[in-house]
């Protein structure tokens, strides 16, 4: 939310600066300190840039309104879930401890979402930079990840979305989910084929390396599961981590294989010429990158 506010504030400041330039230009014209040609050139330039800044503000508010509607739906869904939990507890379906634990998680999620709603409504109602005010500095947690890439609290890994709309909106959230799905599938696709002496054969990720296959399958499933986490920062942290692991494993495998082929001398080079990279490996790499990209977008939302 802080990033969205910062982006809108920057656009308002740009717009206001250009409006000041135009006002100053109108003051200089009657004084005769600039020529008519200079006046027309600067006025056209400032008006074009002002129109761009105004358009950016309008587009950002459209995105903010979409986020507001998602938050409002989330609050309504969570409140309904609290009512259903209470009913299940009253009829004896849920034990007291489980009911209280689930109720606390839902109310915590509602409180956070309602705080987001208040901030979104403030941003949507802003007509100038002064309406947004001074943005608070977000302090990151210290530790292994440092200030820029902090490790989320353990409790945030057990809080999940309450509706499908929170998973698919905005569309950038689909990158982690779809990337995880393709990462999982790519393991079973052909990765490489070899042709020699009239014979040909191909192998999947499972055939080439158990480590690569395990990384693709496990991280793919984790990426799919992480898409349903409620906290954007936790979701982003997980997607970046599980997207990077397969690429690291692939890099280690490539270096090891290259070293093995190098030890065979001319025969190693001949074998490399016989091998053709297939679509499975390409999907594996692109899917892992997509998962990381999705994680970056999700952390920006947080």
C-alpha atoms as a PDB file:
ATOM      1  CA  UNK A   1       0.000   0.000   0.000  1.00  0.00           C
ATOM      2  CA  UNK A   2       2.858   2.386   0.815  1.00  0.00           C
ATOM      3  CA  UNK A   3       4.284   1.885  -2.676  1.00  0.00           C
ATOM      4  CA  UNK A   4       0.946   2.748  -4.307  1.00  0.00           C
ATOM      5  CA  UNK A   5       0.709   5.892  -2.163  1.00  0.00           C
ATOM      6  CA  UNK A   6       4.291   6.851  -3.015  1.00  0.00           C
ATOM      7  CA  UNK A   7       3.620   6.375  -6.727  1.00  0.00           C
ATOM      8  CA  UNK A   8       0.459   8.512  -6.603  1.00  0.00           C
ATOM      9  CA  UNK A   9       2.234  11.197  -4.570  1.00  0.00           C
ATOM     10  CA  UNK A  10       5.039  11.332  -7.126  1.00  0.00           C
ATOM     11  CA  UNK A  11       2.515  11.780  -9.958  1.00  0.00           C
ATOM     12  CA  UNK A  12       0.731  14.586  -8.084  1.00  0.00           C
ATOM     13  CA  UNK A  13       4.037  16.346  -7.380  1.00  0.00           C
ATOM     14  CA  UNK A  14       4.949  16.117 -11.069  1.00  0.00           C
ATOM     15  CA  UNK A  15       1.550  17.527 -12.065  1.00  0.00           C
ATOM     16  CA  UNK A  16       1.788  20.392  -9.569  1.00  0.00           C
ATOM     17  CA  UNK A  17       5.322  21.237 -10.661  1.00  0.00           C
ATOM     18  CA  UNK A  18       4.233  21.465 -14.298  1.00  0.00           C
ATOM     19  CA  UNK A  19       1.285  23.664 -13.316  1.00  0.00           C
ATOM     20  CA  UNK A  20       3.744  26.023 -11.573  1.00  0.00           C
ATOM     21  CA  UNK A  21       5.921  26.114 -14.681  1.00  0.00           C
ATOM     22  CA  UNK A  22       2.903  27.057 -16.791  1.00  0.00           C
ATOM     23  CA  UNK A  23       1.915  29.781 -14.325  1.00  0.00           C
ATOM     24  CA  UNK A  24       5.451  31.179 -14.386  1.00  0.00           C
ATOM     25  CA  UNK A  25       5.442  31.069 -18.172  1.00  0.00           C
ATOM     26  CA  UNK A  26       2.238  33.121 -18.313  1.00  0.00           C
ATOM     27  CA  UNK A  27       3.865  35.676 -16.005  1.00  0.00           C
ATOM     28  CA  UNK A  28       6.977  35.975 -18.187  1.00  0.00           C
ATOM     29  CA  UNK A  29       5.083  36.450 -21.449  1.00  0.00           C
ATOM     30  CA  UNK A  30       3.692  39.964 -20.838  1.00  0.00           C
ATOM     31  CA  UNK A  31       7.025  41.091 -19.389  1.00  0.00           C
ATOM     32  CA  UNK A  32       8.640  40.450 -22.766  1.00  0.00           C
ATOM     33  CA  UNK A  33      11.511  38.411 -21.307  1.00  0.00           C
ATOM     34  CA  UNK A  34      10.801  35.521 -23.705  1.00  0.00           C
ATOM     35  CA  UNK A  35       9.897  35.492 -27.380  1.00  0.00           C
ATOM     36  CA  UNK A  36       6.556  34.286 -28.704  1.00  0.00           C
ATOM     37  CA  UNK A  37       8.283  31.282 -30.267  1.00  0.00           C
ATOM     38  CA  UNK A  38       9.880  30.309 -26.935  1.00  0.00           C
ATOM     39  CA  UNK A  39       6.546  30.786 -25.201  1.00  0.00           C
ATOM     40  CA  UNK A  40       4.673  28.532 -27.638  1.00  0.00           C
ATOM     41  CA  UNK A  41       7.360  25.843 -27.514  1.00  0.00           C
ATOM     42  CA  UNK A  42       7.451  25.667 -23.709  1.00  0.00           C
ATOM     43  CA  UNK A  43       3.678  25.866 -23.326  1.00  0.00           C
ATOM     44  CA  UNK A  44       3.146  22.940 -25.709  1.00  0.00           C
ATOM     45  CA  UNK A  45       5.828  20.899 -23.961  1.00  0.00           C
ATOM     46  CA  UNK A  46       4.421  21.557 -20.476  1.00  0.00           C
ATOM     47  CA  UNK A  47       0.838  20.882 -21.571  1.00  0.00           C
ATOM     48  CA  UNK A  48       1.832  17.536 -23.082  1.00  0.00           C
ATOM     49  CA  UNK A  49       3.699  16.518 -19.920  1.00  0.00           C
ATOM     50  CA  UNK A  50       0.817  17.746 -17.765  1.00  0.00           C
ATOM     51  CA  UNK A  51      -1.643  15.633 -19.762  1.00  0.00           C
ATOM     52  CA  UNK A  52       0.607  12.591 -19.281  1.00  0.00           C
ATOM     53  CA  UNK A  53       0.832  13.167 -15.519  1.00  0.00           C
ATOM     54  CA  UNK A  54      -2.955  13.610 -15.260  1.00  0.00           C
ATOM     55  CA  UNK A  55      -3.480  10.412 -17.250  1.00  0.00           C
ATOM     56  CA  UNK A  56      -1.126   8.513 -14.943  1.00  0.00           C
ATOM     57  CA  UNK A  57      -3.051   9.741 -11.894  1.00  0.00           C
ATOM     58  CA  UNK A  58      -6.356   8.632 -13.444  1.00  0.00           C
ATOM     59  CA  UNK A  59      -4.949   5.190 -14.298  1.00  0.00           C
ATOM     60  CA  UNK A  60      -3.530   4.742 -10.804  1.00  0.00           C
ATOM     61  CA  UNK A  61      -6.911   5.594  -9.302  1.00  0.00           C
ATOM     62  CA  UNK A  62      -8.582   2.970 -11.494  1.00  0.00           C
ATOM     63  CA  UNK A  63      -6.140   0.388 -10.102  1.00  0.00           C
ATOM     64  CA  UNK A  64      -6.712   1.628  -6.547  1.00  0.00           C
ATOM     65  CA  UNK A  65     -10.486   1.341  -6.992  1.00  0.00           C
ATOM     66  CA  UNK A  66     -10.081  -2.246  -8.154  1.00  0.00           C
ATOM     67  CA  UNK A  67      -7.979  -2.996  -5.054  1.00  0.00           C
ATOM     68  CA  UNK A  68     -10.600  -1.314  -2.862  1.00  0.00           C
ATOM     69  CA  UNK A  69     -13.363  -3.490  -4.293  1.00  0.00           C
ATOM     70  CA  UNK A  70     -11.252  -6.612  -3.708  1.00  0.00           C
ATOM     71  CA  UNK A  71     -10.668  -5.566  -0.086  1.00  0.00           C
ATOM     72  CA  UNK A  72     -14.354  -4.867   0.492  1.00  0.00           C
ATOM     73  CA  UNK A  73     -15.291  -8.283  -0.891  1.00  0.00           C
ATOM     74  CA  UNK A  74     -12.622  -9.876   1.302  1.00  0.00           C
ATOM     75  CA  UNK A  75     -14.006  -8.228   4.455  1.00  0.00           C
ATOM     76  CA  UNK A  76     -17.552  -9.333   3.611  1.00  0.00           C
ATOM     77  CA  UNK A  77     -16.385 -12.899   2.953  1.00  0.00           C
ATOM     78  CA  UNK A  78     -14.391 -13.066   6.184  1.00  0.00           C
ATOM     79  CA  UNK A  79     -17.287 -11.712   8.250  1.00  0.00           C
ATOM     80  CA  UNK A  80     -19.559 -14.341   6.742  1.00  0.00           C
ATOM     81  CA  UNK A  81     -16.950 -17.001   7.573  1.00  0.00           C
ATOM     82  CA  UNK A  82     -16.887 -15.808  11.208  1.00  0.00           C
ATOM     83  CA  UNK A  83     -20.662 -16.225  11.388  1.00  0.00           C
ATOM     84  CA  UNK A  84     -20.421 -19.729   9.957  1.00  0.00           C
ATOM     85  CA  UNK A  85     -17.651 -20.662  12.401  1.00  0.00           C
ATOM     86  CA  UNK A  86     -19.799 -19.441  15.290  1.00  0.00           C
ATOM     87  CA  UNK A  87     -22.709 -21.521  14.051  1.00  0.00           C
ATOM     88  CA  UNK A  88     -20.556 -24.644  13.692  1.00  0.00           C
ATOM     89  CA  UNK A  89     -19.238 -24.093  17.219  1.00  0.00           C
ATOM     90  CA  UNK A  90     -22.744 -23.690  18.649  1.00  0.00           C
ATOM     91  CA  UNK A  91     -23.931 -26.970  17.138  1.00  0.00           C
ATOM     92  CA  UNK A  92     -20.853 -28.768  18.469  1.00  0.00           C
ATOM     93  CA  UNK A  93     -19.068 -29.369  15.168  1.00  0.00           C
ATOM     94  CA  UNK A  94     -16.008 -27.286  16.161  1.00  0.00           C
ATOM     95  CA  UNK A  95     -14.184 -27.582  19.504  1.00  0.00           C
ATOM     96  CA  UNK A  96     -13.642 -24.369  21.466  1.00  0.00           C
ATOM     97  CA  UNK A  97      -9.880 -24.177  20.837  1.00  0.00           C
ATOM     98  CA  UNK A  98     -10.194 -24.552  17.074  1.00  0.00           C
ATOM     99  CA  UNK A  99     -13.067 -22.071  16.942  1.00  0.00           C
ATOM    100  CA  UNK A 100     -11.116 -19.444  18.881  1.00  0.00           C
ATOM    101  CA  UNK A 101      -7.981 -19.951  16.780  1.00  0.00           C
ATOM    102  CA  UNK A 102      -9.862 -19.623  13.482  1.00  0.00           C
ATOM    103  CA  UNK A 103     -11.856 -16.665  14.772  1.00  0.00           C
ATOM    104  CA  UNK A 104      -8.684 -14.803  15.794  1.00  0.00           C
ATOM    105  CA  UNK A 105      -7.070 -15.346  12.394  1.00  0.00           C
ATOM    106  CA  UNK A 106     -10.149 -14.089  10.559  1.00  0.00           C
ATOM    107  CA  UNK A 107     -10.536 -11.019  12.765  1.00  0.00           C
ATOM    108  CA  UNK A 108      -6.845 -10.195  12.363  1.00  0.00           C
ATOM    109  CA  UNK A 109      -7.243 -10.453   8.602  1.00  0.00           C
ATOM    110  CA  UNK A 110     -10.347  -8.214   8.714  1.00  0.00           C
ATOM    111  CA  UNK A 111      -8.529  -5.578  10.797  1.00  0.00           C
ATOM    112  CA  UNK A 112      -5.639  -5.464   8.331  1.00  0.00           C
ATOM    113  CA  UNK A 113      -7.960  -5.322   5.318  1.00  0.00           C
ATOM    114  CA  UNK A 114     -10.081  -2.563   6.860  1.00  0.00           C
ATOM    115  CA  UNK A 115      -6.911  -0.553   7.473  1.00  0.00           C
ATOM    116  CA  UNK A 116      -6.068  -1.039   3.783  1.00  0.00           C
ATOM    117  CA  UNK A 117      -9.594   0.095   2.846  1.00  0.00           C
ATOM    118  CA  UNK A 118      -9.193   3.313   4.852  1.00  0.00           C
ATOM    119  CA  UNK A 119      -5.869   4.033   3.144  1.00  0.00           C
ATOM    120  CA  UNK A 120      -7.287   3.246  -0.315  1.00  0.00           C
ATOM    121  CA  UNK A 121     -10.281   5.529   0.249  1.00  0.00           C
ATOM    122  CA  UNK A 122      -7.912   8.307   1.300  1.00  0.00           C
ATOM    123  CA  UNK A 123      -5.834   7.868  -1.838  1.00  0.00           C
ATOM    124  CA  UNK A 124      -8.907   7.748  -4.094  1.00  0.00           C
ATOM    125  CA  UNK A 125     -10.179  10.977  -2.555  1.00  0.00           C
ATOM    126  CA  UNK A 126      -6.859  12.785  -2.991  1.00  0.00           C
ATOM    127  CA  UNK A 127      -6.827  15.720  -5.398  1.00  0.00           C
ATOM    128  CA  UNK A 128      -3.325  16.984  -4.616  1.00  0.00           C
ATOM    129  CA  UNK A 129      -0.079  15.912  -2.979  1.00  0.00           C
ATOM    130  CA  UNK A 130      -1.134  17.617   0.267  1.00  0.00           C
ATOM    131  CA  UNK A 131      -4.146  15.271   0.497  1.00  0.00           C
ATOM    132  CA  UNK A 132      -1.784  12.287   0.629  1.00  0.00           C
ATOM    133  CA  UNK A 133       0.528  13.873   3.189  1.00  0.00           C
ATOM    134  CA  UNK A 134       3.869  12.572   4.421  1.00  0.00           C
ATOM    135  CA  UNK A 135       4.247   8.860   3.873  1.00  0.00           C
ATOM    136  CA  UNK A 136       5.341   6.762   6.856  1.00  0.00           C
ATOM    137  CA  UNK A 137       8.666   4.981   6.565  1.00  0.00           C
ATOM    138  CA  UNK A 138       8.225   1.232   6.545  1.00  0.00           C
ATOM    139  CA  UNK A 139      10.788  -0.342   8.838  1.00  0.00           C
ATOM    140  CA  UNK A 140      12.005  -3.742   7.672  1.00  0.00           C
ATOM    141  CA  UNK A 141      12.883  -6.581  10.022  1.00  0.00           C
ATOM    142  CA  UNK A 142      16.546  -7.211  10.572  1.00  0.00           C
ATOM    143  CA  UNK A 143      17.937 -10.701  10.195  1.00  0.00           C
ATOM    144  CA  UNK A 144      18.980 -13.051   7.440  1.00  0.00           C
ATOM    145  CA  UNK A 145      17.062 -11.190   4.762  1.00  0.00           C
ATOM    146  CA  UNK A 146      18.147  -7.712   5.831  1.00  0.00           C
ATOM    147  CA  UNK A 147      15.974  -4.649   5.621  1.00  0.00           C
ATOM    148  CA  UNK A 148      15.129  -5.002   1.931  1.00  0.00           C
ATOM    149  CA  UNK A 149      14.205  -8.673   1.969  1.00  0.00           C
ATOM    150  CA  UNK A 150      12.904  -9.536   5.426  1.00  0.00           C
ATOM    151  CA  UNK A 151      11.646 -12.951   6.473  1.00  0.00           C
ATOM    152  CA  UNK A 152       7.876 -12.877   7.209  1.00  0.00           C
ATOM    153  CA  UNK A 153       6.458 -13.934  10.547  1.00  0.00           C
ATOM    154  CA  UNK A 154       5.693 -17.656  10.869  1.00  0.00           C
ATOM    155  CA  UNK A 155       1.989 -16.977  11.522  1.00  0.00           C
ATOM    156  CA  UNK A 156       1.609 -15.364   8.073  1.00  0.00           C
ATOM    157  CA  UNK A 157       2.294 -18.749   6.426  1.00  0.00           C
ATOM    158  CA  UNK A 158      -0.922 -20.180   7.912  1.00  0.00           C
ATOM    159  CA  UNK A 159      -3.283 -17.400   6.807  1.00  0.00           C
ATOM    160  CA  UNK A 160      -4.951 -18.005   3.443  1.00  0.00           C
ATOM    161  CA  UNK A 161      -7.198 -16.025   1.113  1.00  0.00           C
ATOM    162  CA  UNK A 162     -10.926 -16.277   1.619  1.00  0.00           C
ATOM    163  CA  UNK A 163     -11.976 -15.943  -2.025  1.00  0.00           C
ATOM    164  CA  UNK A 164     -10.637 -16.754  -5.487  1.00  0.00           C
ATOM    165  CA  UNK A 165     -10.813 -13.071  -6.409  1.00  0.00           C
ATOM    166  CA  UNK A 166      -7.915 -12.348  -4.063  1.00  0.00           C
ATOM    167  CA  UNK A 167      -5.772 -14.822  -6.038  1.00  0.00           C
ATOM    168  CA  UNK A 168      -6.495 -13.574  -9.555  1.00  0.00           C
ATOM    169  CA  UNK A 169      -6.705  -9.808  -8.984  1.00  0.00           C
ATOM    170  CA  UNK A 170      -4.579  -7.967  -9.908  1.00  0.00           C
ATOM    171  CA  UNK A 171      -3.466 -10.153 -12.803  1.00  0.00           C
ATOM    172  CA  UNK A 172       0.191 -10.031 -11.750  1.00  0.00           C
ATOM    173  CA  UNK A 173      -0.713 -12.360  -8.856  1.00  0.00           C
ATOM    174  CA  UNK A 174      -1.307 -15.115 -11.414  1.00  0.00           C
ATOM    175  CA  UNK A 175       2.394 -15.194 -12.349  1.00  0.00           C
ATOM    176  CA  UNK A 176       3.378 -17.199  -9.264  1.00  0.00           C
ATOM    177  CA  UNK A 177       0.435 -19.595  -9.599  1.00  0.00           C
ATOM    178  CA  UNK A 178       0.777 -20.223 -13.350  1.00  0.00           C
ATOM    179  CA  UNK A 179       4.573 -20.303 -13.146  1.00  0.00           C
ATOM    180  CA  UNK A 180       4.406 -22.929 -10.394  1.00  0.00           C
ATOM    181  CA  UNK A 181       2.031 -25.052 -12.475  1.00  0.00           C
ATOM    182  CA  UNK A 182       4.299 -24.950 -15.532  1.00  0.00           C
ATOM    183  CA  UNK A 183       7.375 -25.583 -13.372  1.00  0.00           C
ATOM    184  CA  UNK A 184       5.742 -28.778 -12.097  1.00  0.00           C
ATOM    185  CA  UNK A 185       4.629 -29.900 -15.583  1.00  0.00           C
ATOM    186  CA  UNK A 186       7.999 -29.132 -17.205  1.00  0.00           C
ATOM    187  CA  UNK A 187       9.718 -31.871 -15.196  1.00  0.00           C
ATOM    188  CA  UNK A 188       7.739 -34.496 -17.127  1.00  0.00           C
ATOM    189  CA  UNK A 189       8.323 -32.929 -20.551  1.00  0.00           C
ATOM    190  CA  UNK A 190      11.261 -33.765 -22.885  1.00  0.00           C
ATOM    191  CA  UNK A 191      14.369 -31.842 -21.814  1.00  0.00           C
ATOM    192  CA  UNK A 192      16.945 -33.127 -24.256  1.00  0.00           C
ATOM    193  CA  UNK A 193      17.253 -35.512 -27.170  1.00  0.00           C
ATOM    194  CA  UNK A 194      20.277 -37.205 -28.686  1.00  0.00           C
ATOM    195  CA  UNK A 195      20.714 -38.448 -32.243  1.00  0.00           C
ATOM    196  CA  UNK A 196      23.567 -40.705 -33.306  1.00  0.00           C
ATOM    197  CA  UNK A 197      24.117 -43.335 -36.012  1.00  0.00           C
ATOM    198  CA  UNK A 198      20.474 -43.190 -37.131  1.00  0.00           C
ATOM    199  CA  UNK A 199      19.030 -43.642 -33.659  1.00  0.00           C
ATOM    200  CA  UNK A 200      17.358 -40.975 -31.511  1.00  0.00           C
ATOM    201  CA  UNK A 201      16.238 -40.816 -27.900  1.00  0.00           C
ATOM    202  CA  UNK A 202      14.877 -38.136 -25.576  1.00  0.00           C
ATOM    203  CA  UNK A 203      14.779 -37.743 -21.819  1.00  0.00           C
ATOM    204  CA  UNK A 204      12.614 -35.751 -19.402  1.00  0.00           C
ATOM    205  CA  UNK A 205      13.782 -33.863 -16.342  1.00  0.00           C
ATOM    206  CA  UNK A 206      13.126 -37.003 -14.313  1.00  0.00           C
ATOM    207  CA  UNK A 207      15.450 -38.985 -16.586  1.00  0.00           C
ATOM    208  CA  UNK A 208      18.264 -36.432 -16.521  1.00  0.00           C
ATOM    209  CA  UNK A 209      18.551 -35.657 -12.836  1.00  0.00           C
ATOM    210  CA  UNK A 210      16.659 -36.568  -9.693  1.00  0.00           C
ATOM    211  CA  UNK A 211      17.769 -33.310  -8.064  1.00  0.00           C
ATOM    212  CA  UNK A 212      16.426 -31.187 -10.926  1.00  0.00           C
ATOM    213  CA  UNK A 213      13.178 -33.137 -10.951  1.00  0.00           C
ATOM    214  CA  UNK A 214      12.752 -32.846  -7.176  1.00  0.00           C
ATOM    215  CA  UNK A 215      13.428 -29.104  -7.290  1.00  0.00           C
ATOM    216  CA  UNK A 216      10.873 -28.617 -10.072  1.00  0.00           C
ATOM    217  CA  UNK A 217       8.158 -30.760  -8.496  1.00  0.00           C
ATOM    218  CA  UNK A 218       8.515 -29.534  -4.902  1.00  0.00           C
ATOM    219  CA  UNK A 219       9.050 -25.870  -5.754  1.00  0.00           C
ATOM    220  CA  UNK A 220       6.265 -25.966  -8.345  1.00  0.00           C
ATOM    221  CA  UNK A 221       3.789 -27.288  -5.770  1.00  0.00           C
ATOM    222  CA  UNK A 222       4.993 -24.776  -3.170  1.00  0.00           C
ATOM    223  CA  UNK A 223       4.557 -21.927  -5.684  1.00  0.00           C
ATOM    224  CA  UNK A 224       0.982 -23.059  -6.382  1.00  0.00           C
ATOM    225  CA  UNK A 225       0.224 -23.275  -2.665  1.00  0.00           C
ATOM    226  CA  UNK A 226       1.838 -19.898  -1.928  1.00  0.00           C
ATOM    227  CA  UNK A 227      -0.548 -18.226  -4.372  1.00  0.00           C
ATOM    228  CA  UNK A 228      -3.323 -18.799  -1.811  1.00  0.00           C
ATOM    229  CA  UNK A 229      -1.522 -17.099   1.100  1.00  0.00           C
ATOM    230  CA  UNK A 230      -3.311 -13.970   2.335  1.00  0.00           C
ATOM    231  CA  UNK A 231      -0.282 -11.767   3.048  1.00  0.00           C
ATOM    232  CA  UNK A 232       1.254 -10.261  -0.113  1.00  0.00           C
ATOM    233  CA  UNK A 233       4.740  -9.972   1.395  1.00  0.00           C
ATOM    234  CA  UNK A 234       4.693 -13.585   2.590  1.00  0.00           C
ATOM    235  CA  UNK A 235       3.436 -14.739  -0.787  1.00  0.00           C
ATOM    236  CA  UNK A 236       6.115 -12.725  -2.580  1.00  0.00           C
ATOM    237  CA  UNK A 237       8.895 -13.970  -0.285  1.00  0.00           C
ATOM    238  CA  UNK A 238       7.868 -17.597  -0.889  1.00  0.00           C
ATOM    239  CA  UNK A 239       7.573 -17.202  -4.662  1.00  0.00           C
ATOM    240  CA  UNK A 240      10.984 -15.552  -4.982  1.00  0.00           C
ATOM    241  CA  UNK A 241      12.559 -18.302  -2.869  1.00  0.00           C
ATOM    242  CA  UNK A 242      10.933 -21.302  -4.615  1.00  0.00           C
ATOM    243  CA  UNK A 243      11.554 -19.732  -8.031  1.00  0.00           C
ATOM    244  CA  UNK A 244      15.255 -19.244  -7.331  1.00  0.00           C
ATOM    245  CA  UNK A 245      15.926 -22.764  -6.010  1.00  0.00           C
ATOM    246  CA  UNK A 246      15.296 -24.634  -9.328  1.00  0.00           C
ATOM    247  CA  UNK A 247      17.527 -22.164 -11.183  1.00  0.00           C
ATOM    248  CA  UNK A 248      20.326 -22.627  -8.652  1.00  0.00           C
ATOM    249  CA  UNK A 249      20.027 -26.432  -8.879  1.00  0.00           C
ATOM    250  CA  UNK A 250      20.051 -26.176 -12.695  1.00  0.00           C
ATOM    251  CA  UNK A 251      23.178 -23.987 -12.596  1.00  0.00           C
ATOM    252  CA  UNK A 252      24.997 -26.496 -10.376  1.00  0.00           C
ATOM    253  CA  UNK A 253      23.909 -29.372 -12.640  1.00  0.00           C
ATOM    254  CA  UNK A 254      25.083 -27.481 -15.769  1.00  0.00           C
ATOM    255  CA  UNK A 255      28.501 -26.722 -14.277  1.00  0.00           C
ATOM    256  CA  UNK A 256      28.953 -30.317 -13.152  1.00  0.00           C
ATOM    257  CA  UNK A 257      27.903 -31.713 -16.540  1.00  0.00           C
ATOM    258  CA  UNK A 258      30.155 -29.288 -18.430  1.00  0.00           C
ATOM    259  CA  UNK A 259      33.074 -30.385 -16.255  1.00  0.00           C
ATOM    260  CA  UNK A 260      32.324 -34.069 -16.982  1.00  0.00           C
ATOM    261  CA  UNK A 261      32.173 -33.473 -20.729  1.00  0.00           C
ATOM    262  CA  UNK A 262      35.368 -31.430 -20.601  1.00  0.00           C
ATOM    263  CA  UNK A 263      37.187 -34.390 -19.076  1.00  0.00           C
ATOM    264  CA  UNK A 264      36.340 -36.502 -22.120  1.00  0.00           C
ATOM    265  CA  UNK A 265      38.288 -34.247 -24.477  1.00  0.00           C
ATOM    266  CA  UNK A 266      37.211 -34.469 -28.131  1.00  0.00           C
ATOM    267  CA  UNK A 267      34.623 -37.153 -27.320  1.00  0.00           C
ATOM    268  CA  UNK A 268      32.923 -34.765 -24.897  1.00  0.00           C
ATOM    269  CA  UNK A 269      32.594 -32.139 -27.624  1.00  0.00           C
ATOM    270  CA  UNK A 270      31.179 -34.748 -30.016  1.00  0.00           C
ATOM    271  CA  UNK A 271      28.548 -35.813 -27.476  1.00  0.00           C
ATOM    272  CA  UNK A 272      27.538 -32.175 -26.877  1.00  0.00           C
ATOM    273  CA  UNK A 273      26.967 -31.736 -30.637  1.00  0.00           C
ATOM    274  CA  UNK A 274      24.626 -34.742 -30.640  1.00  0.00           C
ATOM    275  CA  UNK A 275      22.449 -33.351 -27.829  1.00  0.00           C
ATOM    276  CA  UNK A 276      19.506 -31.051 -28.633  1.00  0.00           C
ATOM    277  CA  UNK A 277      17.781 -28.938 -25.967  1.00  0.00           C
ATOM    278  CA  UNK A 278      14.023 -29.574 -25.882  1.00  0.00           C
ATOM    279  CA  UNK A 279      10.980 -27.610 -24.735  1.00  0.00           C
ATOM    280  CA  UNK A 280      10.874 -29.083 -21.228  1.00  0.00           C
ATOM    281  CA  UNK A 281      14.092 -27.360 -20.163  1.00  0.00           C
ATOM    282  CA  UNK A 282      12.937 -24.060 -21.692  1.00  0.00           C
ATOM    283  CA  UNK A 283       9.623 -24.300 -19.799  1.00  0.00           C
ATOM    284  CA  UNK A 284      11.518 -25.122 -16.593  1.00  0.00           C
ATOM    285  CA  UNK A 285      13.664 -21.980 -16.806  1.00  0.00           C
ATOM    286  CA  UNK A 286      10.874 -19.642 -17.969  1.00  0.00           C
ATOM    287  CA  UNK A 287       8.455 -20.937 -15.332  1.00  0.00           C
ATOM    288  CA  UNK A 288      10.989 -20.396 -12.541  1.00  0.00           C
ATOM    289  CA  UNK A 289      11.610 -16.837 -13.772  1.00  0.00           C
ATOM    290  CA  UNK A 290       7.840 -16.222 -13.896  1.00  0.00           C
ATOM    291  CA  UNK A 291       7.490 -17.383 -10.280  1.00  0.00           C
ATOM    292  CA  UNK A 292      10.265 -14.983  -9.193  1.00  0.00           C
ATOM    293  CA  UNK A 293       8.692 -12.120 -11.167  1.00  0.00           C
ATOM    294  CA  UNK A 294       5.342 -12.838  -9.539  1.00  0.00           C
ATOM    295  CA  UNK A 295       7.016 -12.695  -6.134  1.00  0.00           C
ATOM    296  CA  UNK A 296       8.562  -9.314  -6.900  1.00  0.00           C
ATOM    297  CA  UNK A 297       5.172  -7.871  -7.913  1.00  0.00           C
ATOM    298  CA  UNK A 298       3.532  -9.325  -4.801  1.00  0.00           C
ATOM    299  CA  UNK A 299       6.117  -7.786  -2.464  1.00  0.00           C
ATOM    300  CA  UNK A 300       5.558  -4.420  -4.133  1.00  0.00           C
ATOM    301  CA  UNK A 301       1.848  -4.728  -3.345  1.00  0.00           C
ATOM    302  CA  UNK A 302       2.704  -5.322   0.310  1.00  0.00           C
END
